Amino acid sequence: MGVSDRTARDRWVVSTAGMTLARLETLLDALEGNSRDPCAATAVRHYRITREHIAEIARMVEDALAGIHPVPDQAPARAPADISGIIMEMIREKSSPRGVSVDEIVAGAGEQGYGSDAVLAAIRALVENDDCYQPQKGYVKPL
């Protein structure tokens, strides 16, 4: 195990925050009876998850993100002109019969230096252009 610098830590915090918020959305959907994810519904019942629990965790995420301070001379995350091609390649490579988790794509692209906003925008564009589709919330699959 090596030592991480602030930039790597901050990138990890942002990536983890995004994945956590996506999972909280899934739990909220399950709590409201709008989820097709049987694991989320089971978790809500087993752990007796309430809206208050979800809100508390969301506040923790917000607190963690408040500790992220951009370094003025830090280079911005990579955002090539054709990030969509790179993301589509990742979707094809990682796709299973269920598809691939958007969180997994965001995390994988983050490790390569791509910002989560750019990755999510690329995924939205790919879905809108019918290059891939969402078989269920939080997953994408190539067409």
Foldseek 3Di string as FASTA:
>chain_A
DDDDDLVVVLLVLVLVLVVLVLLLVQLVCLVVVNHPDVVSVVCCVVVVDDPVNSVVVNVVSVVSNVPDDDDVVDDAFDQDPPVLVVLLVVQAVPQDPQGDFLSVSLVVVSVVRHHSVNSVVSVVVCCVVQQWHHPGPRGIHGD
